[in-house]
């Protein structure tokens, strides 16, 4: 049987289409390619973005920057010492980009100028840390990426 050039082009198109469809099917059924949104309520969160910008700017203007360190006990968040720890309130959000089931929020209740997040709550890898806190009516925000 002799294959002419028209049959060769049709076979090449069929082979290419089969190749593309195989990879589309494989990627859509593979568990490693997770297609979830970054956050569940993305558009609601987008509306509050200006408040986050203002809180971050307030923290910079008032020199109320936080320090986050990895210690043997866990993750330590140090608040400015000039603020009364009993008047500080807010939340610490730990976001894990690779697994949404590891995301956690911790309320801030201080007796000293630091907050300890225990080591058993964190697994190795990248974490996005967001600390939203208030002190005497002022809102502050600290964001940091950390490899634990």
C-alpha atoms as a PDB file:
ATOM      1  CA  UNK A   1       0.000   0.000   0.000  1.00  0.00           C
ATOM      2  CA  UNK A   2       1.310   3.368  -0.996  1.00  0.00           C
ATOM      3  CA  UNK A   3       0.600   6.457   1.180  1.00  0.00           C
ATOM      4  CA  UNK A   4       0.338   9.732  -0.735  1.00  0.00           C
ATOM      5  CA  UNK A   5       1.084  13.159   0.759  1.00  0.00           C
ATOM      6  CA  UNK A   6      -2.590  13.947   1.532  1.00  0.00           C
ATOM      7  CA  UNK A   7      -2.946  10.793   3.646  1.00  0.00           C
ATOM      8  CA  UNK A   8       0.329  11.649   5.434  1.00  0.00           C
ATOM      9  CA  UNK A   9      -0.944  15.117   6.390  1.00  0.00           C
ATOM     10  CA  UNK A  10      -4.226  13.694   7.725  1.00  0.00           C
ATOM     11  CA  UNK A  11      -2.342  11.066   9.759  1.00  0.00           C
ATOM     12  CA  UNK A  12      -0.021  13.756  11.143  1.00  0.00           C
ATOM     13  CA  UNK A  13      -3.028  15.881  12.223  1.00  0.00           C
ATOM     14  CA  UNK A  14      -4.722  12.881  13.845  1.00  0.00           C
ATOM     15  CA  UNK A  15      -1.499  11.991  15.672  1.00  0.00           C
ATOM     16  CA  UNK A  16      -1.027  15.563  16.910  1.00  0.00           C
ATOM     17  CA  UNK A  17      -4.652  15.881  18.070  1.00  0.00           C
ATOM     18  CA  UNK A  18      -4.391  12.529  19.887  1.00  0.00           C
ATOM     19  CA  UNK A  19      -1.167  13.679  21.557  1.00  0.00           C
ATOM     20  CA  UNK A  20      -2.765  16.945  22.795  1.00  0.00           C
ATOM     21  CA  UNK A  21      -5.958  15.232  23.998  1.00  0.00           C
ATOM     22  CA  UNK A  22      -3.906  12.644  25.920  1.00  0.00           C
ATOM     23  CA  UNK A  23      -2.074  15.359  27.879  1.00  0.00           C
ATOM     24  CA  UNK A  24      -5.242  17.399  28.488  1.00  0.00           C
ATOM     25  CA  UNK A  25      -6.956  14.306  29.892  1.00  0.00           C
ATOM     26  CA  UNK A  26      -3.918  13.350  31.971  1.00  0.00           C
ATOM     27  CA  UNK A  27      -3.513  16.814  33.536  1.00  0.00           C
ATOM     28  CA  UNK A  28      -7.221  17.211  34.317  1.00  0.00           C
ATOM     29  CA  UNK A  29      -7.421  13.879  36.153  1.00  0.00           C
ATOM     30  CA  UNK A  30      -4.052  14.051  37.956  1.00  0.00           C
ATOM     31  CA  UNK A  31      -4.273  14.899  41.688  1.00  0.00           C
ATOM     32  CA  UNK A  32      -0.920  16.694  41.642  1.00  0.00           C
ATOM     33  CA  UNK A  33      -2.319  19.382  39.325  1.00  0.00           C
ATOM     34  CA  UNK A  34      -4.746  20.985  41.760  1.00  0.00           C
ATOM     35  CA  UNK A  35      -6.877  23.702  40.152  1.00  0.00           C
ATOM     36  CA  UNK A  36      -8.384  25.264  43.279  1.00  0.00           C
ATOM     37  CA  UNK A  37      -8.577  29.005  43.706  1.00  0.00           C
ATOM     38  CA  UNK A  38      -5.980  30.561  45.974  1.00  0.00           C
ATOM     39  CA  UNK A  39      -8.687  31.696  48.381  1.00  0.00           C
ATOM     40  CA  UNK A  40     -12.277  30.548  48.620  1.00  0.00           C
ATOM     41  CA  UNK A  41     -13.857  34.013  48.460  1.00  0.00           C
ATOM     42  CA  UNK A  42     -11.416  35.724  46.161  1.00  0.00           C
ATOM     43  CA  UNK A  43     -13.605  38.680  45.117  1.00  0.00           C
ATOM     44  CA  UNK A  44     -14.683  39.469  48.688  1.00  0.00           C
ATOM     45  CA  UNK A  45     -11.061  39.505  49.745  1.00  0.00           C
ATOM     46  CA  UNK A  46     -10.182  41.787  46.831  1.00  0.00           C
ATOM     47  CA  UNK A  47     -12.618  44.426  48.097  1.00  0.00           C
ATOM     48  CA  UNK A  48     -10.756  44.671  51.420  1.00  0.00           C
ATOM     49  CA  UNK A  49      -7.369  45.032  49.749  1.00  0.00           C
ATOM     50  CA  UNK A  50      -7.239  48.837  50.230  1.00  0.00           C
ATOM     51  CA  UNK A  51      -7.679  48.378  53.992  1.00  0.00           C
ATOM     52  CA  UNK A  52      -4.685  46.035  53.967  1.00  0.00           C
ATOM     53  CA  UNK A  53      -2.605  48.612  52.098  1.00  0.00           C
ATOM     54  CA  UNK A  54      -3.576  51.315  54.608  1.00  0.00           C
ATOM     55  CA  UNK A  55      -2.776  49.050  57.589  1.00  0.00           C
ATOM     56  CA  UNK A  56       0.619  48.172  56.150  1.00  0.00           C
ATOM     57  CA  UNK A  57       1.341  51.849  55.512  1.00  0.00           C
ATOM     58  CA  UNK A  58       0.301  52.732  59.088  1.00  0.00           C
ATOM     59  CA  UNK A  59       2.712  50.101  60.434  1.00  0.00           C
ATOM     60  CA  UNK A  60       5.550  51.621  58.438  1.00  0.00           C
ATOM     61  CA  UNK A  61       4.700  55.213  59.416  1.00  0.00           C
ATOM     62  CA  UNK A  62       4.405  54.421  63.143  1.00  0.00           C
ATOM     63  CA  UNK A  63       7.504  52.195  63.113  1.00  0.00           C
ATOM     64  CA  UNK A  64       5.416  49.262  64.330  1.00  0.00           C
ATOM     65  CA  UNK A  65       7.158  46.572  62.335  1.00  0.00           C
ATOM     66  CA  UNK A  66       7.146  43.017  63.616  1.00  0.00           C
ATOM     67  CA  UNK A  67       9.949  40.498  63.674  1.00  0.00           C
ATOM     68  CA  UNK A  68       9.219  36.841  62.893  1.00  0.00           C
ATOM     69  CA  UNK A  69      11.842  34.223  63.765  1.00  0.00           C
ATOM     70  CA  UNK A  70      12.099  30.455  63.689  1.00  0.00           C
ATOM     71  CA  UNK A  71      13.185  29.086  67.080  1.00  0.00           C
ATOM     72  CA  UNK A  72      13.535  25.615  68.598  1.00  0.00           C
ATOM     73  CA  UNK A  73      10.076  25.869  70.193  1.00  0.00           C
ATOM     74  CA  UNK A  74       8.347  27.082  67.028  1.00  0.00           C
ATOM     75  CA  UNK A  75       7.652  30.335  65.254  1.00  0.00           C
ATOM     76  CA  UNK A  76       8.110  33.464  67.369  1.00  0.00           C
ATOM     77  CA  UNK A  77       6.372  36.745  66.465  1.00  0.00           C
ATOM     78  CA  UNK A  78       7.885  39.750  68.261  1.00  0.00           C
ATOM     79  CA  UNK A  79       5.746  42.878  68.654  1.00  0.00           C
ATOM     80  CA  UNK A  80       7.275  46.327  69.304  1.00  0.00           C
ATOM     81  CA  UNK A  81       8.244  46.666  72.962  1.00  0.00           C
ATOM     82  CA  UNK A  82       6.883  50.201  73.266  1.00  0.00           C
ATOM     83  CA  UNK A  83       3.303  48.904  72.908  1.00  0.00           C
ATOM     84  CA  UNK A  84       1.372  47.518  75.885  1.00  0.00           C
ATOM     85  CA  UNK A  85       0.907  43.793  75.086  1.00  0.00           C
ATOM     86  CA  UNK A  86      -2.490  43.613  76.815  1.00  0.00           C
ATOM     87  CA  UNK A  87      -3.943  46.198  74.390  1.00  0.00           C
ATOM     88  CA  UNK A  88      -2.853  44.309  71.265  1.00  0.00           C
ATOM     89  CA  UNK A  89      -5.506  42.196  69.533  1.00  0.00           C
ATOM     90  CA  UNK A  90      -5.846  40.552  66.140  1.00  0.00           C
ATOM     91  CA  UNK A  91      -5.011  37.365  64.273  1.00  0.00           C
ATOM     92  CA  UNK A  92      -2.002  35.592  62.828  1.00  0.00           C
ATOM     93  CA  UNK A  93      -2.826  33.780  59.583  1.00  0.00           C
ATOM     94  CA  UNK A  94      -0.544  31.063  58.283  1.00  0.00           C
ATOM     95  CA  UNK A  95      -1.188  30.239  54.626  1.00  0.00           C
ATOM     96  CA  UNK A  96       0.339  27.196  52.970  1.00  0.00           C
ATOM     97  CA  UNK A  97       0.346  27.656  49.156  1.00  0.00           C
ATOM     98  CA  UNK A  98       0.782  23.941  48.465  1.00  0.00           C
ATOM     99  CA  UNK A  99      -1.982  22.600  50.754  1.00  0.00           C
ATOM    100  CA  UNK A 100      -5.046  24.555  51.863  1.00  0.00           C
ATOM    101  CA  UNK A 101      -5.761  22.030  54.632  1.00  0.00           C
ATOM    102  CA  UNK A 102      -2.697  23.268  56.537  1.00  0.00           C
ATOM    103  CA  UNK A 103      -3.899  26.900  56.627  1.00  0.00           C
ATOM    104  CA  UNK A 104      -4.480  28.097  60.194  1.00  0.00           C
ATOM    105  CA  UNK A 105      -5.423  31.253  62.084  1.00  0.00           C
ATOM    106  CA  UNK A 106      -4.288  32.086  65.605  1.00  0.00           C
ATOM    107  CA  UNK A 107      -5.875  34.795  67.756  1.00  0.00           C
ATOM    108  CA  UNK A 108      -3.459  37.240  69.349  1.00  0.00           C
ATOM    109  CA  UNK A 109      -3.612  37.401  73.133  1.00  0.00           C
ATOM    110  CA  UNK A 110      -0.386  38.549  74.711  1.00  0.00           C
ATOM    111  CA  UNK A 111       1.014  38.841  78.190  1.00  0.00           C
ATOM    112  CA  UNK A 112       4.543  39.515  76.886  1.00  0.00           C
ATOM    113  CA  UNK A 113       5.705  41.252  73.723  1.00  0.00           C
ATOM    114  CA  UNK A 114       5.955  38.023  71.733  1.00  0.00           C
ATOM    115  CA  UNK A 115       3.665  35.283  70.472  1.00  0.00           C
ATOM    116  CA  UNK A 116       4.801  31.672  70.091  1.00  0.00           C
ATOM    117  CA  UNK A 117       3.270  29.391  67.472  1.00  0.00           C
ATOM    118  CA  UNK A 118       4.199  25.835  68.521  1.00  0.00           C
ATOM    119  CA  UNK A 119       6.472  23.760  66.316  1.00  0.00           C
ATOM    120  CA  UNK A 120       3.981  20.863  66.168  1.00  0.00           C
ATOM    121  CA  UNK A 121       1.479  23.047  64.231  1.00  0.00           C
ATOM    122  CA  UNK A 122       3.920  23.725  61.377  1.00  0.00           C
ATOM    123  CA  UNK A 123       5.373  21.407  58.755  1.00  0.00           C
ATOM    124  CA  UNK A 124       8.490  22.066  56.740  1.00  0.00           C
ATOM    125  CA  UNK A 125       8.084  24.170  53.620  1.00  0.00           C
ATOM    126  CA  UNK A 126       6.977  27.616  52.530  1.00  0.00           C
ATOM    127  CA  UNK A 127       4.480  29.618  54.576  1.00  0.00           C
ATOM    128  CA  UNK A 128       2.927  33.022  53.935  1.00  0.00           C
ATOM    129  CA  UNK A 129       2.440  34.789  57.270  1.00  0.00           C
ATOM    130  CA  UNK A 130      -0.055  37.613  57.677  1.00  0.00           C
ATOM    131  CA  UNK A 131      -0.406  39.360  61.049  1.00  0.00           C
ATOM    132  CA  UNK A 132      -3.402  41.705  61.311  1.00  0.00           C
ATOM    133  CA  UNK A 133      -3.419  43.489  64.638  1.00  0.00           C
ATOM    134  CA  UNK A 134      -4.905  46.520  66.338  1.00  0.00           C
ATOM    135  CA  UNK A 135      -3.573  48.789  69.032  1.00  0.00           C
ATOM    136  CA  UNK A 136      -5.563  51.699  70.448  1.00  0.00           C
ATOM    137  CA  UNK A 137      -7.774  52.049  67.354  1.00  0.00           C
ATOM    138  CA  UNK A 138      -4.941  51.784  64.812  1.00  0.00           C
ATOM    139  CA  UNK A 139      -4.882  48.827  62.434  1.00  0.00           C
ATOM    140  CA  UNK A 140      -1.566  47.275  61.432  1.00  0.00           C
ATOM    141  CA  UNK A 141      -0.593  44.588  58.957  1.00  0.00           C
ATOM    142  CA  UNK A 142       2.604  42.581  58.582  1.00  0.00           C
ATOM    143  CA  UNK A 143       3.110  40.119  55.702  1.00  0.00           C
ATOM    144  CA  UNK A 144       6.074  37.843  55.276  1.00  0.00           C
ATOM    145  CA  UNK A 145       7.058  34.726  53.362  1.00  0.00           C
ATOM    146  CA  UNK A 146       8.975  32.137  55.348  1.00  0.00           C
ATOM    147  CA  UNK A 147      10.521  28.763  54.617  1.00  0.00           C
ATOM    148  CA  UNK A 148      10.156  26.687  57.760  1.00  0.00           C
END
